[in-house]
């Protein structure tokens, strides 16, 4: 018995039909439309993620400053600069450069957010006393309301500090 190559090829009685140029064009237009809708939403999602990460970092750093004040029985000052979009924890060494104070640049990667305002009864500095309370002046005068506002894109996050407990929260 002689085998031929064509014996193994499956044959169909119906001819194979491909996609027409019109069908391919319609699919490409639909894909481009969905991509055009999704791209701005994806970009805003990145802004919101960076904003949430920066707010979380501020809350954690304020909690750390409060913990240092309590554990070392001293006042720890945190200064906010809205023009330079950063905050500095004074007299606490930076983990990378022990010669300088701990500072976080909010307008640089990975956060790239703006420090819109930091207000503690019209001051831009908060002090944590040895009891963990947040005060305006190292002498111990407390404040009525303490808020920090950061922004990225069209979104904002507000961090509040309770003057009695010194706890920073982001609702």
C-alpha atoms as a PDB file:
ATOM      1  CA  UNK A   1       0.000   0.000   0.000  1.00  0.00           C
ATOM      2  CA  UNK A   2       1.330   3.359  -0.982  1.00  0.00           C
ATOM      3  CA  UNK A   3       0.675   6.266   1.277  1.00  0.00           C
ATOM      4  CA  UNK A   4       0.368   9.725  -0.106  1.00  0.00           C
ATOM      5  CA  UNK A   5       0.677  12.949   1.697  1.00  0.00           C
ATOM      6  CA  UNK A   6      -2.745  14.148   0.718  1.00  0.00           C
ATOM      7  CA  UNK A   7      -4.409  11.195   2.393  1.00  0.00           C
ATOM      8  CA  UNK A   8      -3.782  12.664   5.850  1.00  0.00           C
ATOM      9  CA  UNK A   9      -5.067  16.154   5.178  1.00  0.00           C
ATOM     10  CA  UNK A  10      -8.615  16.644   6.381  1.00  0.00           C
ATOM     11  CA  UNK A  11     -10.823  17.923   3.688  1.00  0.00           C
ATOM     12  CA  UNK A  12     -13.925  19.924   4.240  1.00  0.00           C
ATOM     13  CA  UNK A  13     -16.790  20.188   1.861  1.00  0.00           C
ATOM     14  CA  UNK A  14     -17.423  23.809   2.885  1.00  0.00           C
ATOM     15  CA  UNK A  15     -14.868  26.401   1.887  1.00  0.00           C
ATOM     16  CA  UNK A  16     -13.043  28.241   4.707  1.00  0.00           C
ATOM     17  CA  UNK A  17     -14.152  31.814   5.134  1.00  0.00           C
ATOM     18  CA  UNK A  18     -11.862  34.549   6.543  1.00  0.00           C
ATOM     19  CA  UNK A  19     -12.689  37.910   8.068  1.00  0.00           C
ATOM     20  CA  UNK A  20     -13.349  40.768   5.740  1.00  0.00           C
ATOM     21  CA  UNK A  21     -11.544  44.084   5.938  1.00  0.00           C
ATOM     22  CA  UNK A  22     -14.743  45.742   7.180  1.00  0.00           C
ATOM     23  CA  UNK A  23     -15.081  43.293  10.098  1.00  0.00           C
ATOM     24  CA  UNK A  24     -11.453  43.751  11.133  1.00  0.00           C
ATOM     25  CA  UNK A  25     -11.850  47.545  10.935  1.00  0.00           C
ATOM     26  CA  UNK A  26     -14.937  47.478  13.171  1.00  0.00           C
ATOM     27  CA  UNK A  27     -13.143  45.377  15.792  1.00  0.00           C
ATOM     28  CA  UNK A  28     -10.126  47.718  15.753  1.00  0.00           C
ATOM     29  CA  UNK A  29     -12.382  50.762  16.160  1.00  0.00           C
ATOM     30  CA  UNK A  30     -14.112  49.127  19.145  1.00  0.00           C
ATOM     31  CA  UNK A  31     -10.760  48.297  20.766  1.00  0.00           C
ATOM     32  CA  UNK A  32      -9.521  51.869  20.225  1.00  0.00           C
ATOM     33  CA  UNK A  33     -12.728  53.294  21.749  1.00  0.00           C
ATOM     34  CA  UNK A  34     -12.455  51.124  24.860  1.00  0.00           C
ATOM     35  CA  UNK A  35      -8.763  52.045  25.223  1.00  0.00           C
ATOM     36  CA  UNK A  36      -9.566  55.762  24.893  1.00  0.00           C
ATOM     37  CA  UNK A  37     -12.140  55.476  27.677  1.00  0.00           C
ATOM     38  CA  UNK A  38      -9.926  53.377  29.964  1.00  0.00           C
ATOM     39  CA  UNK A  39      -6.653  55.340  29.659  1.00  0.00           C
ATOM     40  CA  UNK A  40      -7.703  58.470  31.623  1.00  0.00           C
ATOM     41  CA  UNK A  41      -9.338  56.329  34.293  1.00  0.00           C
ATOM     42  CA  UNK A  42      -6.159  54.300  34.615  1.00  0.00           C
ATOM     43  CA  UNK A  43      -4.063  57.478  34.939  1.00  0.00           C
ATOM     44  CA  UNK A  44      -6.372  58.826  37.668  1.00  0.00           C
ATOM     45  CA  UNK A  45      -6.132  55.496  39.478  1.00  0.00           C
ATOM     46  CA  UNK A  46      -2.363  56.006  39.677  1.00  0.00           C
ATOM     47  CA  UNK A  47      -2.880  59.501  41.104  1.00  0.00           C
ATOM     48  CA  UNK A  48      -5.284  58.180  43.725  1.00  0.00           C
ATOM     49  CA  UNK A  49      -2.905  55.363  44.650  1.00  0.00           C
ATOM     50  CA  UNK A  50       0.016  57.782  45.138  1.00  0.00           C
ATOM     51  CA  UNK A  51      -2.233  60.114  47.130  1.00  0.00           C
ATOM     52  CA  UNK A  52      -3.372  57.311  49.437  1.00  0.00           C
ATOM     53  CA  UNK A  53       0.213  56.099  49.851  1.00  0.00           C
ATOM     54  CA  UNK A  54       1.412  59.608  50.770  1.00  0.00           C
ATOM     55  CA  UNK A  55      -1.430  60.072  53.269  1.00  0.00           C
ATOM     56  CA  UNK A  56      -0.611  56.728  54.840  1.00  0.00           C
ATOM     57  CA  UNK A  57       3.065  57.688  55.059  1.00  0.00           C
ATOM     58  CA  UNK A  58       2.233  60.982  56.796  1.00  0.00           C
ATOM     59  CA  UNK A  59      -0.015  59.211  59.319  1.00  0.00           C
ATOM     60  CA  UNK A  60       2.706  56.641  60.058  1.00  0.00           C
ATOM     61  CA  UNK A  61       5.446  59.269  60.372  1.00  0.00           C
ATOM     62  CA  UNK A  62       3.327  61.343  62.760  1.00  0.00           C
ATOM     63  CA  UNK A  63       2.647  58.213  64.817  1.00  0.00           C
ATOM     64  CA  UNK A  64       6.389  57.517  64.888  1.00  0.00           C
ATOM     65  CA  UNK A  65       7.161  61.091  65.997  1.00  0.00           C
ATOM     66  CA  UNK A  66       4.565  60.731  68.748  1.00  0.00           C
ATOM     67  CA  UNK A  67       6.053  57.382  69.826  1.00  0.00           C
ATOM     68  CA  UNK A  68       9.572  58.865  69.949  1.00  0.00           C
ATOM     69  CA  UNK A  69       8.304  61.757  72.081  1.00  0.00           C
ATOM     70  CA  UNK A  70       6.718  59.346  74.540  1.00  0.00           C
ATOM     71  CA  UNK A  71       9.559  56.820  74.666  1.00  0.00           C
ATOM     72  CA  UNK A  72      12.364  59.383  74.972  1.00  0.00           C
ATOM     73  CA  UNK A  73      10.390  61.717  77.278  1.00  0.00           C
ATOM     74  CA  UNK A  74      10.958  64.781  75.110  1.00  0.00           C
ATOM     75  CA  UNK A  75       9.166  67.069  72.675  1.00  0.00           C
ATOM     76  CA  UNK A  76       9.385  66.133  68.994  1.00  0.00           C
ATOM     77  CA  UNK A  77       8.634  68.834  66.405  1.00  0.00           C
ATOM     78  CA  UNK A  78       7.263  68.246  62.918  1.00  0.00           C
ATOM     79  CA  UNK A  79       7.449  71.156  60.447  1.00  0.00           C
ATOM     80  CA  UNK A  80       5.420  71.289  57.235  1.00  0.00           C
ATOM     81  CA  UNK A  81       6.417  73.398  54.225  1.00  0.00           C
ATOM     82  CA  UNK A  82       3.619  73.995  51.725  1.00  0.00           C
ATOM     83  CA  UNK A  83       5.927  75.875  49.347  1.00  0.00           C
ATOM     84  CA  UNK A  84       8.447  73.019  49.138  1.00  0.00           C
ATOM     85  CA  UNK A  85       5.826  70.260  49.557  1.00  0.00           C
ATOM     86  CA  UNK A  86       7.679  68.472  52.331  1.00  0.00           C
ATOM     87  CA  UNK A  87       7.737  67.872  56.057  1.00  0.00           C
ATOM     88  CA  UNK A  88      10.621  67.489  58.469  1.00  0.00           C
ATOM     89  CA  UNK A  89      10.739  65.718  61.819  1.00  0.00           C
ATOM     90  CA  UNK A  90      13.275  67.799  63.725  1.00  0.00           C
ATOM     91  CA  UNK A  91      15.907  66.195  65.965  1.00  0.00           C
ATOM     92  CA  UNK A  92      15.099  62.748  64.580  1.00  0.00           C
ATOM     93  CA  UNK A  93      17.869  61.404  62.328  1.00  0.00           C
ATOM     94  CA  UNK A  94      17.193  60.356  58.774  1.00  0.00           C
ATOM     95  CA  UNK A  95      17.675  56.577  58.410  1.00  0.00           C
ATOM     96  CA  UNK A  96      19.781  57.070  55.271  1.00  0.00           C
ATOM     97  CA  UNK A  97      21.761  60.145  56.328  1.00  0.00           C
ATOM     98  CA  UNK A  98      22.176  60.247  60.104  1.00  0.00           C
ATOM     99  CA  UNK A  99      23.683  63.753  59.910  1.00  0.00           C
ATOM    100  CA  UNK A 100      20.389  65.357  58.851  1.00  0.00           C
ATOM    101  CA  UNK A 101      16.847  65.455  60.203  1.00  0.00           C
ATOM    102  CA  UNK A 102      14.218  63.068  58.895  1.00  0.00           C
ATOM    103  CA  UNK A 103      12.539  64.707  55.886  1.00  0.00           C
ATOM    104  CA  UNK A 104       9.999  63.529  53.321  1.00  0.00           C
ATOM    105  CA  UNK A 105       9.736  65.264  49.941  1.00  0.00           C
ATOM    106  CA  UNK A 106       6.118  64.713  48.902  1.00  0.00           C
ATOM    107  CA  UNK A 107       6.484  66.158  45.391  1.00  0.00           C
ATOM    108  CA  UNK A 108       9.191  63.656  44.414  1.00  0.00           C
ATOM    109  CA  UNK A 109       8.791  59.981  43.513  1.00  0.00           C
ATOM    110  CA  UNK A 110       7.226  57.749  44.643  1.00  0.00           C
ATOM    111  CA  UNK A 111       4.475  60.124  45.834  1.00  0.00           C
ATOM    112  CA  UNK A 112       4.473  63.172  43.513  1.00  0.00           C
ATOM    113  CA  UNK A 113       1.712  64.913  45.492  1.00  0.00           C
ATOM    114  CA  UNK A 114       1.356  68.501  46.661  1.00  0.00           C
ATOM    115  CA  UNK A 115       1.135  69.600  50.260  1.00  0.00           C
ATOM    116  CA  UNK A 116      -1.787  72.014  49.975  1.00  0.00           C
ATOM    117  CA  UNK A 117      -2.045  73.041  53.610  1.00  0.00           C
ATOM    118  CA  UNK A 118      -0.917  72.170  57.100  1.00  0.00           C
ATOM    119  CA  UNK A 119      -2.790  74.130  59.708  1.00  0.00           C
ATOM    120  CA  UNK A 120      -2.559  73.857  63.462  1.00  0.00           C
ATOM    121  CA  UNK A 121      -4.324  77.032  64.607  1.00  0.00           C
ATOM    122  CA  UNK A 122      -2.698  78.921  61.702  1.00  0.00           C
ATOM    123  CA  UNK A 123       0.750  77.416  62.382  1.00  0.00           C
ATOM    124  CA  UNK A 124       2.571  74.923  60.152  1.00  0.00           C
ATOM    125  CA  UNK A 125       4.357  73.084  62.936  1.00  0.00           C
ATOM    126  CA  UNK A 126       3.056  70.488  65.354  1.00  0.00           C
ATOM    127  CA  UNK A 127       4.846  69.330  68.496  1.00  0.00           C
ATOM    128  CA  UNK A 128       4.340  66.046  70.307  1.00  0.00           C
ATOM    129  CA  UNK A 129       4.977  66.352  74.033  1.00  0.00           C
ATOM    130  CA  UNK A 130       6.261  63.524  76.276  1.00  0.00           C
ATOM    131  CA  UNK A 131       2.655  62.517  77.012  1.00  0.00           C
ATOM    132  CA  UNK A 132       1.939  61.994  73.298  1.00  0.00           C
ATOM    133  CA  UNK A 133      -0.379  64.984  72.984  1.00  0.00           C
ATOM    134  CA  UNK A 134      -0.095  67.286  69.992  1.00  0.00           C
ATOM    135  CA  UNK A 135       0.611  70.910  70.881  1.00  0.00           C
ATOM    136  CA  UNK A 136       1.425  74.081  68.959  1.00  0.00           C
ATOM    137  CA  UNK A 137       4.263  75.376  71.027  1.00  0.00           C
ATOM    138  CA  UNK A 138       6.868  73.342  72.909  1.00  0.00           C
ATOM    139  CA  UNK A 139       5.617  75.070  76.070  1.00  0.00           C
ATOM    140  CA  UNK A 140       2.460  72.978  75.802  1.00  0.00           C
ATOM    141  CA  UNK A 141      -0.364  75.133  74.367  1.00  0.00           C
ATOM    142  CA  UNK A 142      -2.793  72.821  72.590  1.00  0.00           C
ATOM    143  CA  UNK A 143      -4.637  73.658  69.374  1.00  0.00           C
ATOM    144  CA  UNK A 144      -8.297  73.438  68.433  1.00  0.00           C
ATOM    145  CA  UNK A 145      -8.002  71.733  65.058  1.00  0.00           C
ATOM    146  CA  UNK A 146      -5.093  70.247  63.183  1.00  0.00           C
ATOM    147  CA  UNK A 147      -5.355  69.264  59.531  1.00  0.00           C
ATOM    148  CA  UNK A 148      -2.958  68.398  56.736  1.00  0.00           C
ATOM    149  CA  UNK A 149      -4.251  68.453  53.152  1.00  0.00           C
ATOM    150  CA  UNK A 150      -2.465  66.837  50.215  1.00  0.00           C
ATOM    151  CA  UNK A 151      -3.580  66.750  46.574  1.00  0.00           C
ATOM    152  CA  UNK A 152      -2.820  64.978  43.318  1.00  0.00           C
ATOM    153  CA  UNK A 153      -4.751  65.381  40.092  1.00  0.00           C
ATOM    154  CA  UNK A 154      -8.238  66.445  41.112  1.00  0.00           C
ATOM    155  CA  UNK A 155      -8.312  64.498  44.374  1.00  0.00           C
ATOM    156  CA  UNK A 156      -7.434  65.525  47.921  1.00  0.00           C
ATOM    157  CA  UNK A 157      -6.839  63.725  51.199  1.00  0.00           C
ATOM    158  CA  UNK A 158      -7.176  65.349  54.616  1.00  0.00           C
ATOM    159  CA  UNK A 159      -5.297  64.049  57.637  1.00  0.00           C
ATOM    160  CA  UNK A 160      -6.537  65.209  61.029  1.00  0.00           C
ATOM    161  CA  UNK A 161      -4.623  65.284  64.291  1.00  0.00           C
ATOM    162  CA  UNK A 162      -6.439  65.039  67.599  1.00  0.00           C
ATOM    163  CA  UNK A 163      -4.700  67.505  69.915  1.00  0.00           C
ATOM    164  CA  UNK A 164      -5.504  65.580  73.092  1.00  0.00           C
ATOM    165  CA  UNK A 165      -4.370  62.112  72.008  1.00  0.00           C
ATOM    166  CA  UNK A 166      -1.935  63.231  69.299  1.00  0.00           C
ATOM    167  CA  UNK A 167      -3.293  60.552  67.003  1.00  0.00           C
ATOM    168  CA  UNK A 168      -3.257  61.277  63.262  1.00  0.00           C
ATOM    169  CA  UNK A 169      -6.066  59.775  61.192  1.00  0.00           C
ATOM    170  CA  UNK A 170      -7.181  59.810  57.608  1.00  0.00           C
ATOM    171  CA  UNK A 171     -10.940  59.258  57.249  1.00  0.00           C
END
